[in-house]
Amino acid sequence: MIKHKFRLRTKDVRYLTKKRQYCVKGIFGFWWIKQYPNRQFNQISCHIGVKLSKNATTRNQLRRVIMNYIRDNNLEINSINWEFYKIFINLDKNKLPELTKYIQEHKKSEWNTYFQKEFESSFTSFNSYLCGKN
């Protein structure tokens, strides 16, 4: 888990989804807005929906993979293109059928590496997208 200070609150997530700044990169969708000027850190949260798997341990394991990548690379502290953001991450709803099929066909040990690689490539492309946006 990342520290409470670096996570989004429920009201922030609602505001992000109403704002409609949404970008799909790979199997992940990213909602974002710029951080308040007085906060010099990113706030990041993610959600893995029940449509992927009804098993809570599966969803928590996949969420943990994402959060470990964020924590290991210090994404909550490092700026993105010299700016700080509030970022909400979820799975792209158009890719859910193939992801559920992947989870059913493969072992749990394979999920971690697959989702870690997918998130790494998705976040780097999202980062470059943000750099081009500004």
N, C-alpha and C. Protein backbone atom coordinates (compact mmCIF):
# COMPACT_ATOMS: atom_id res chain seq x y z
N MET A 1 0.83 -1.19 0.00
CA MET A 1 0.00 0.00 0.00
C MET A 1 0.88 1.25 0.00
N ILE A 2 0.37 2.26 -0.64
CA ILE A 2 1.04 3.55 -0.55
C ILE A 2 0.42 4.34 0.60
N LYS A 3 1.13 5.33 1.07
CA LYS A 3 0.69 6.08 2.23
C LYS A 3 -0.64 6.78 1.97
N HIS A 4 -1.37 6.99 3.05
CA HIS A 4 -2.69 7.60 2.99
C HIS A 4 -2.65 8.98 2.31
N LYS A 5 -1.61 9.72 2.55
CA LYS A 5 -1.46 11.06 1.98
C LYS A 5 -1.42 11.04 0.46
N PHE A 6 -0.90 9.95 -0.12
CA PHE A 6 -0.71 9.87 -1.57
C PHE A 6 -1.87 9.17 -2.28
N ARG A 7 -2.92 8.78 -1.54
CA ARG A 7 -4.08 8.13 -2.15
C ARG A 7 -5.21 9.12 -2.35
N LEU A 8 -6.06 8.85 -3.31
CA LEU A 8 -7.22 9.70 -3.57
C LEU A 8 -8.35 9.37 -2.60
N ARG A 9 -9.15 10.36 -2.28
CA ARG A 9 -10.34 10.16 -1.48
C ARG A 9 -11.51 9.87 -2.41
N THR A 10 -12.62 9.45 -1.86
CA THR A 10 -13.80 9.14 -2.67
C THR A 10 -14.30 10.37 -3.42
N LYS A 11 -14.32 11.52 -2.76
CA LYS A 11 -14.80 12.73 -3.43
C LYS A 11 -13.89 13.13 -4.58
N ASP A 12 -12.58 12.86 -4.45
CA ASP A 12 -11.66 13.14 -5.56
C ASP A 12 -11.95 12.25 -6.77
N VAL A 13 -12.23 10.98 -6.51
CA VAL A 13 -12.52 10.05 -7.59
C VAL A 13 -13.81 10.46 -8.30
N ARG A 14 -14.81 10.84 -7.55
CA ARG A 14 -16.06 11.30 -8.16
C ARG A 14 -15.83 12.53 -9.02
N TYR A 15 -15.03 13.46 -8.52
CA TYR A 15 -14.73 14.67 -9.27
C TYR A 15 -13.97 14.34 -10.55
N LEU A 16 -13.00 13.42 -10.46
CA LEU A 16 -12.22 13.03 -11.64
C LEU A 16 -13.10 12.44 -12.72
N THR A 17 -14.03 11.57 -12.33
CA THR A 17 -14.88 10.92 -13.33
C THR A 17 -15.89 11.90 -13.93
N LYS A 18 -16.27 12.93 -13.19
CA LYS A 18 -17.16 13.96 -13.75
C LYS A 18 -16.41 14.89 -14.69
N LYS A 19 -15.14 15.11 -14.41
CA LYS A 19 -14.31 16.02 -15.21
C LYS A 19 -14.09 15.48 -16.63
N ARG A 20 -14.09 14.17 -16.78
CA ARG A 20 -14.01 13.49 -18.08
C ARG A 20 -12.67 13.64 -18.80
N GLN A 21 -11.58 13.81 -18.07
CA GLN A 21 -10.27 13.74 -18.71
C GLN A 21 -9.83 12.28 -18.57
N TYR A 22 -10.09 11.50 -19.62
CA TYR A 22 -9.88 10.06 -19.57
C TYR A 22 -9.02 9.65 -20.74
N CYS A 23 -8.11 8.72 -20.48
CA CYS A 23 -7.19 8.26 -21.50
C CYS A 23 -7.02 6.75 -21.34
N VAL A 24 -7.12 6.00 -22.42
CA VAL A 24 -6.92 4.55 -22.38
C VAL A 24 -5.57 4.24 -23.00
N LYS A 25 -4.74 3.57 -22.24
CA LYS A 25 -3.44 3.12 -22.71
C LYS A 25 -3.30 1.65 -22.36
N GLY A 26 -3.24 0.81 -23.36
CA GLY A 26 -3.16 -0.64 -23.12
C GLY A 26 -4.47 -1.15 -22.55
N ILE A 27 -4.38 -1.89 -21.45
CA ILE A 27 -5.59 -2.42 -20.82
C ILE A 27 -6.08 -1.52 -19.69
N PHE A 28 -5.39 -0.43 -19.42
CA PHE A 28 -5.73 0.46 -18.31
C PHE A 28 -6.30 1.78 -18.81
N GLY A 29 -7.20 2.32 -18.01
CA GLY A 29 -7.74 3.65 -18.25
C GLY A 29 -7.25 4.58 -17.16
N PHE A 30 -6.94 5.80 -17.53
CA PHE A 30 -6.42 6.78 -16.59
C PHE A 30 -7.31 8.02 -16.59
N TRP A 31 -7.79 8.41 -15.41
CA TRP A 31 -8.49 9.66 -15.19
C TRP A 31 -7.50 10.58 -14.49
N TRP A 32 -7.42 11.83 -14.86
CA TRP A 32 -6.44 12.70 -14.23
C TRP A 32 -6.88 14.16 -14.24
N ILE A 33 -6.36 14.91 -13.28
CA ILE A 33 -6.40 16.37 -13.25
C ILE A 33 -5.10 16.83 -12.60
N LYS A 34 -4.79 18.10 -12.78
CA LYS A 34 -3.59 18.63 -12.14
C LYS A 34 -3.82 18.78 -10.64
N GLN A 35 -2.77 18.56 -9.89
CA GLN A 35 -2.83 18.66 -8.43
C GLN A 35 -2.94 20.12 -8.01
N TYR A 36 -3.44 20.34 -6.82
CA TYR A 36 -3.50 21.69 -6.27
C TYR A 36 -2.09 22.27 -6.20
N PRO A 37 -1.93 23.59 -6.39
CA PRO A 37 -0.58 24.18 -6.42
C PRO A 37 0.21 24.04 -5.11
N ASN A 38 -0.48 23.94 -3.99
CA ASN A 38 0.23 23.85 -2.71
C ASN A 38 0.64 22.43 -2.35
N ARG A 39 0.30 21.45 -3.15
CA ARG A 39 0.68 20.06 -2.89
C ARG A 39 1.74 19.62 -3.90
N GLN A 40 2.89 19.28 -3.40
CA GLN A 40 4.02 18.90 -4.26
C GLN A 40 4.19 17.38 -4.29
N PHE A 41 3.10 16.68 -4.59
CA PHE A 41 3.13 15.23 -4.72
C PHE A 41 1.94 14.79 -5.56
N ASN A 42 2.03 13.59 -6.11
CA ASN A 42 0.93 13.00 -6.85
C ASN A 42 0.04 12.22 -5.90
N GLN A 43 -1.25 12.14 -6.23
CA GLN A 43 -2.16 11.27 -5.50
C GLN A 43 -2.69 10.27 -6.51
N ILE A 44 -2.51 8.99 -6.20
CA ILE A 44 -2.85 7.93 -7.15
C ILE A 44 -3.68 6.86 -6.45
N SER A 45 -4.74 6.41 -7.11
CA SER A 45 -5.54 5.29 -6.63
C SER A 45 -5.93 4.43 -7.82
N CYS A 46 -6.30 3.18 -7.55
CA CYS A 46 -6.74 2.32 -8.63
C CYS A 46 -7.95 1.50 -8.19
N HIS A 47 -8.68 1.01 -9.17
CA HIS A 47 -9.87 0.21 -8.92
C HIS A 47 -9.90 -0.96 -9.91
N ILE A 48 -10.06 -2.16 -9.38
CA ILE A 48 -10.24 -3.35 -10.21
C ILE A 48 -11.68 -3.80 -9.98
N GLY A 49 -12.49 -3.76 -11.00
CA GLY A 49 -13.92 -4.01 -10.85
C GLY A 49 -14.30 -5.47 -10.66
N VAL A 50 -15.51 -5.67 -10.17
CA VAL A 50 -16.04 -7.01 -9.93
C VAL A 50 -16.28 -7.74 -11.25
N LYS A 51 -16.45 -7.00 -12.33
CA LYS A 51 -16.68 -7.64 -13.63
C LYS A 51 -15.48 -8.46 -14.08
N LEU A 52 -14.30 -8.11 -13.60
CA LEU A 52 -13.10 -8.89 -13.94
C LEU A 52 -13.13 -10.24 -13.24
N SER A 53 -13.38 -10.22 -11.95
CA SER A 53 -13.44 -11.46 -11.18
C SER A 53 -14.28 -11.21 -9.94
N LYS A 54 -15.14 -12.14 -9.62
CA LYS A 54 -15.94 -12.01 -8.41
C LYS A 54 -15.14 -12.36 -7.17
N ASN A 55 -13.98 -12.96 -7.37
CA ASN A 55 -13.13 -13.35 -6.26
C ASN A 55 -12.32 -12.13 -5.79
N ALA A 56 -12.53 -11.73 -4.54
CA ALA A 56 -11.87 -10.53 -4.01
C ALA A 56 -10.36 -10.70 -3.91
N THR A 57 -9.89 -11.90 -3.65
CA THR A 57 -8.44 -12.10 -3.54
C THR A 57 -7.76 -11.88 -4.88
N THR A 58 -8.42 -12.25 -5.95
CA THR A 58 -7.87 -12.02 -7.29
C THR A 58 -7.76 -10.53 -7.56
N ARG A 59 -8.83 -9.80 -7.28
CA ARG A 59 -8.81 -8.35 -7.53
C ARG A 59 -7.77 -7.66 -6.66
N ASN A 60 -7.66 -8.07 -5.40
CA ASN A 60 -6.68 -7.46 -4.50
C ASN A 60 -5.25 -7.77 -4.93
N GLN A 61 -5.03 -8.97 -5.44
CA GLN A 61 -3.70 -9.33 -5.91
C GLN A 61 -3.30 -8.46 -7.10
N LEU A 62 -4.22 -8.24 -8.02
CA LEU A 62 -3.93 -7.41 -9.19
C LEU A 62 -3.74 -5.94 -8.80
N ARG A 63 -4.54 -5.47 -7.85
CA ARG A 63 -4.39 -4.10 -7.37
C ARG A 63 -3.05 -3.94 -6.66
N ARG A 64 -2.64 -4.96 -5.94
CA ARG A 64 -1.36 -4.91 -5.22
C ARG A 64 -0.19 -4.83 -6.20
N VAL A 65 -0.29 -5.51 -7.33
CA VAL A 65 0.75 -5.44 -8.36
C VAL A 65 0.91 -3.99 -8.85
N ILE A 66 -0.21 -3.33 -9.09
CA ILE A 66 -0.17 -1.94 -9.56
C ILE A 66 0.42 -1.03 -8.49
N MET A 67 -0.05 -1.17 -7.27
CA MET A 67 0.42 -0.31 -6.19
C MET A 67 1.90 -0.55 -5.86
N ASN A 68 2.35 -1.79 -5.97
CA ASN A 68 3.78 -2.07 -5.76
C ASN A 68 4.64 -1.38 -6.81
N TYR A 69 4.18 -1.38 -8.05
CA TYR A 69 4.92 -0.70 -9.12
C TYR A 69 4.98 0.80 -8.83
N ILE A 70 3.88 1.38 -8.39
CA ILE A 70 3.83 2.81 -8.08
C ILE A 70 4.78 3.13 -6.93
N ARG A 71 4.74 2.32 -5.89
CA ARG A 71 5.59 2.57 -4.72
C ARG A 71 7.06 2.35 -5.04
N ASP A 72 7.38 1.28 -5.78
CA ASP A 72 8.78 0.97 -6.09
C ASP A 72 9.43 2.03 -6.97
N ASN A 73 8.66 2.66 -7.83
CA ASN A 73 9.20 3.68 -8.73
C ASN A 73 8.99 5.10 -8.23
N ASN A 74 8.51 5.23 -7.00
CA ASN A 74 8.29 6.55 -6.37
C ASN A 74 7.44 7.47 -7.24
N LEU A 75 6.41 6.94 -7.85
CA LEU A 75 5.56 7.75 -8.72
C LEU A 75 4.72 8.75 -7.95
N GLU A 76 4.50 8.50 -6.65
CA GLU A 76 3.72 9.45 -5.88
C GLU A 76 4.52 10.69 -5.51
N ILE A 77 5.85 10.59 -5.50
CA ILE A 77 6.70 11.71 -5.12
C ILE A 77 7.27 12.42 -6.34
N ASN A 78 7.63 11.67 -7.37
CA ASN A 78 8.24 12.26 -8.57
C ASN A 78 7.20 12.97 -9.42
N SER A 79 7.59 14.11 -9.97
CA SER A 79 6.69 14.86 -10.82
C SER A 79 6.63 14.24 -12.21
N ILE A 80 5.53 14.48 -12.88
CA ILE A 80 5.35 14.04 -14.26
C ILE A 80 5.39 15.29 -15.12
N ASN A 81 6.44 15.42 -15.92
CA ASN A 81 6.62 16.61 -16.77
C ASN A 81 6.61 17.88 -15.91
N TRP A 82 7.29 17.85 -14.79
CA TRP A 82 7.42 18.96 -13.85
C TRP A 82 6.09 19.41 -13.26
N GLU A 83 5.10 18.55 -13.27
CA GLU A 83 3.80 18.86 -12.68
C GLU A 83 3.37 17.69 -11.82
N PHE A 84 2.44 17.95 -10.91
CA PHE A 84 1.88 16.89 -10.07
C PHE A 84 0.40 16.72 -10.40
N TYR A 85 -0.08 15.48 -10.30
CA TYR A 85 -1.43 15.15 -10.74
C TYR A 85 -2.17 14.31 -9.70
N LYS A 86 -3.49 14.30 -9.84
CA LYS A 86 -4.35 13.33 -9.19
C LYS A 86 -4.71 12.34 -10.28
N ILE A 87 -4.41 11.06 -10.06
CA ILE A 87 -4.60 10.04 -11.10
C ILE A 87 -5.41 8.88 -10.52
N PHE A 88 -6.47 8.50 -11.25
CA PHE A 88 -7.28 7.35 -10.89
C PHE A 88 -7.14 6.32 -12.01
N ILE A 89 -6.79 5.09 -11.65
CA ILE A 89 -6.51 4.04 -12.62
C ILE A 89 -7.57 2.97 -12.52
N ASN A 90 -8.09 2.54 -13.67
CA ASN A 90 -9.00 1.40 -13.71
C ASN A 90 -8.74 0.59 -14.97
N LEU A 91 -9.42 -0.52 -15.09
CA LEU A 91 -9.27 -1.35 -16.29
C LEU A 91 -10.20 -0.84 -17.38
N ASP A 92 -9.76 -0.91 -18.62
CA ASP A 92 -10.59 -0.50 -19.75
C ASP A 92 -11.72 -1.51 -19.90
N LYS A 93 -12.96 -1.01 -19.93
CA LYS A 93 -14.11 -1.92 -19.98
C LYS A 93 -14.20 -2.69 -21.30
N ASN A 94 -13.60 -2.18 -22.36
CA ASN A 94 -13.62 -2.89 -23.64
C ASN A 94 -12.68 -4.11 -23.64
N LYS A 95 -11.69 -4.11 -22.75
CA LYS A 95 -10.73 -5.21 -22.69
C LYS A 95 -11.09 -6.25 -21.62
N LEU A 96 -12.17 -6.04 -20.87
CA LEU A 96 -12.53 -6.94 -19.77
C LEU A 96 -12.78 -8.39 -20.22
N PRO A 97 -13.48 -8.64 -21.33
CA PRO A 97 -13.71 -10.05 -21.70
C PRO A 97 -12.42 -10.84 -21.94
N GLU A 98 -11.47 -10.24 -22.62
CA GLU A 98 -10.21 -10.96 -22.85
C GLU A 98 -9.38 -11.08 -21.58
N LEU A 99 -9.49 -10.11 -20.66
CA LEU A 99 -8.78 -10.22 -19.39
C LEU A 99 -9.36 -11.30 -18.50
N THR A 100 -10.69 -11.42 -18.46
CA THR A 100 -11.30 -12.49 -17.66
C THR A 100 -10.93 -13.85 -18.23
N LYS A 101 -10.87 -13.95 -19.55
CA LYS A 101 -10.45 -15.20 -20.18
C LYS A 101 -9.00 -15.52 -19.82
N TYR A 102 -8.13 -14.50 -19.82
CA TYR A 102 -6.73 -14.70 -19.45
C TYR A 102 -6.61 -15.19 -18.01
N ILE A 103 -7.37 -14.59 -17.10
CA ILE A 103 -7.30 -14.98 -15.69
C ILE A 103 -7.78 -16.41 -15.49
N GLN A 104 -8.79 -16.82 -16.21
CA GLN A 104 -9.31 -18.18 -16.07
C GLN A 104 -8.35 -19.21 -16.63
N GLU A 105 -7.61 -18.87 -17.68
CA GLU A 105 -6.76 -19.85 -18.36
C GLU A 105 -5.35 -19.96 -17.78
N HIS A 106 -4.88 -18.93 -17.08
CA HIS A 106 -3.51 -18.92 -16.60
C HIS A 106 -3.43 -19.03 -15.09
N LYS A 107 -2.23 -19.37 -14.61
CA LYS A 107 -1.99 -19.51 -13.17
C LYS A 107 -1.80 -18.14 -12.53
N LYS A 108 -1.96 -18.11 -11.21
CA LYS A 108 -1.80 -16.85 -10.47
C LYS A 108 -0.39 -16.30 -10.58
N SER A 109 0.58 -17.17 -10.64
CA SER A 109 1.97 -16.70 -10.72
C SER A 109 2.23 -15.96 -12.04
N GLU A 110 1.52 -16.33 -13.09
CA GLU A 110 1.69 -15.67 -14.39
C GLU A 110 0.98 -14.31 -14.43
N TRP A 111 -0.06 -14.14 -13.61
CA TRP A 111 -0.81 -12.88 -13.61
C TRP A 111 0.07 -11.72 -13.20
N ASN A 112 0.86 -11.94 -12.16
CA ASN A 112 1.68 -10.84 -11.63
C ASN A 112 2.60 -10.26 -12.68
N THR A 113 3.32 -11.13 -13.38
CA THR A 113 4.26 -10.64 -14.39
C THR A 113 3.52 -9.98 -15.56
N TYR A 114 2.40 -10.58 -15.97
CA TYR A 114 1.63 -10.03 -17.08
C TYR A 114 1.10 -8.63 -16.75
N PHE A 115 0.46 -8.50 -15.60
CA PHE A 115 -0.12 -7.21 -15.23
C PHE A 115 0.96 -6.17 -14.92
N GLN A 116 2.08 -6.60 -14.37
CA GLN A 116 3.16 -5.66 -14.09
C GLN A 116 3.72 -5.11 -15.40
N LYS A 117 3.96 -5.98 -16.38
CA LYS A 117 4.47 -5.51 -17.67
C LYS A 117 3.46 -4.61 -18.38
N GLU A 118 2.19 -5.01 -18.34
CA GLU A 118 1.15 -4.21 -18.98
C GLU A 118 1.03 -2.83 -18.33
N PHE A 119 1.07 -2.81 -16.99
CA PHE A 119 0.95 -1.52 -16.31
C PHE A 119 2.17 -0.65 -16.57
N GLU A 120 3.33 -1.25 -16.60
CA GLU A 120 4.55 -0.48 -16.86
C GLU A 120 4.49 0.18 -18.23
N SER A 121 4.11 -0.58 -19.25
CA SER A 121 4.02 0.00 -20.59
C SER A 121 2.88 1.00 -20.69
N SER A 122 1.76 0.73 -20.04
CA SER A 122 0.63 1.66 -20.08
C SER A 122 0.97 2.97 -19.39
N PHE A 123 1.64 2.89 -18.23
CA PHE A 123 1.95 4.12 -17.51
C PHE A 123 3.00 4.95 -18.23
N THR A 124 3.98 4.31 -18.85
CA THR A 124 4.97 5.09 -19.60
C THR A 124 4.33 5.78 -20.80
N SER A 125 3.39 5.11 -21.48
CA SER A 125 2.72 5.76 -22.60
C SER A 125 1.78 6.86 -22.10
N PHE A 126 1.15 6.66 -20.94
CA PHE A 126 0.32 7.71 -20.35
C PHE A 126 1.18 8.92 -19.96
N ASN A 127 2.37 8.65 -19.43
CA ASN A 127 3.29 9.71 -19.05
C ASN A 127 3.69 10.53 -20.28
N SER A 128 4.00 9.86 -21.37
CA SER A 128 4.35 10.59 -22.59
C SER A 128 3.15 11.34 -23.16
N TYR A 129 1.96 10.78 -22.97
CA TYR A 129 0.73 11.46 -23.40
C TYR A 129 0.55 12.76 -22.62
N LEU A 130 0.78 12.71 -21.30
CA LEU A 130 0.68 13.92 -20.49
C LEU A 130 1.73 14.96 -20.88
N CYS A 131 2.93 14.50 -21.22
CA CYS A 131 3.99 15.42 -21.63
C CYS A 131 3.61 16.12 -22.93
N GLY A 132 2.94 15.43 -23.82
CA GLY A 132 2.51 16.03 -25.07
C GLY A 132 1.31 16.93 -24.90
N LYS A 133 0.51 16.68 -23.87
CA LYS A 133 -0.69 17.47 -23.60
C LYS A 133 -0.35 18.88 -23.15
N ASN A 134 0.73 19.01 -22.37
CA ASN A 134 1.07 20.32 -21.78
C ASN A 134 1.87 21.18 -22.72
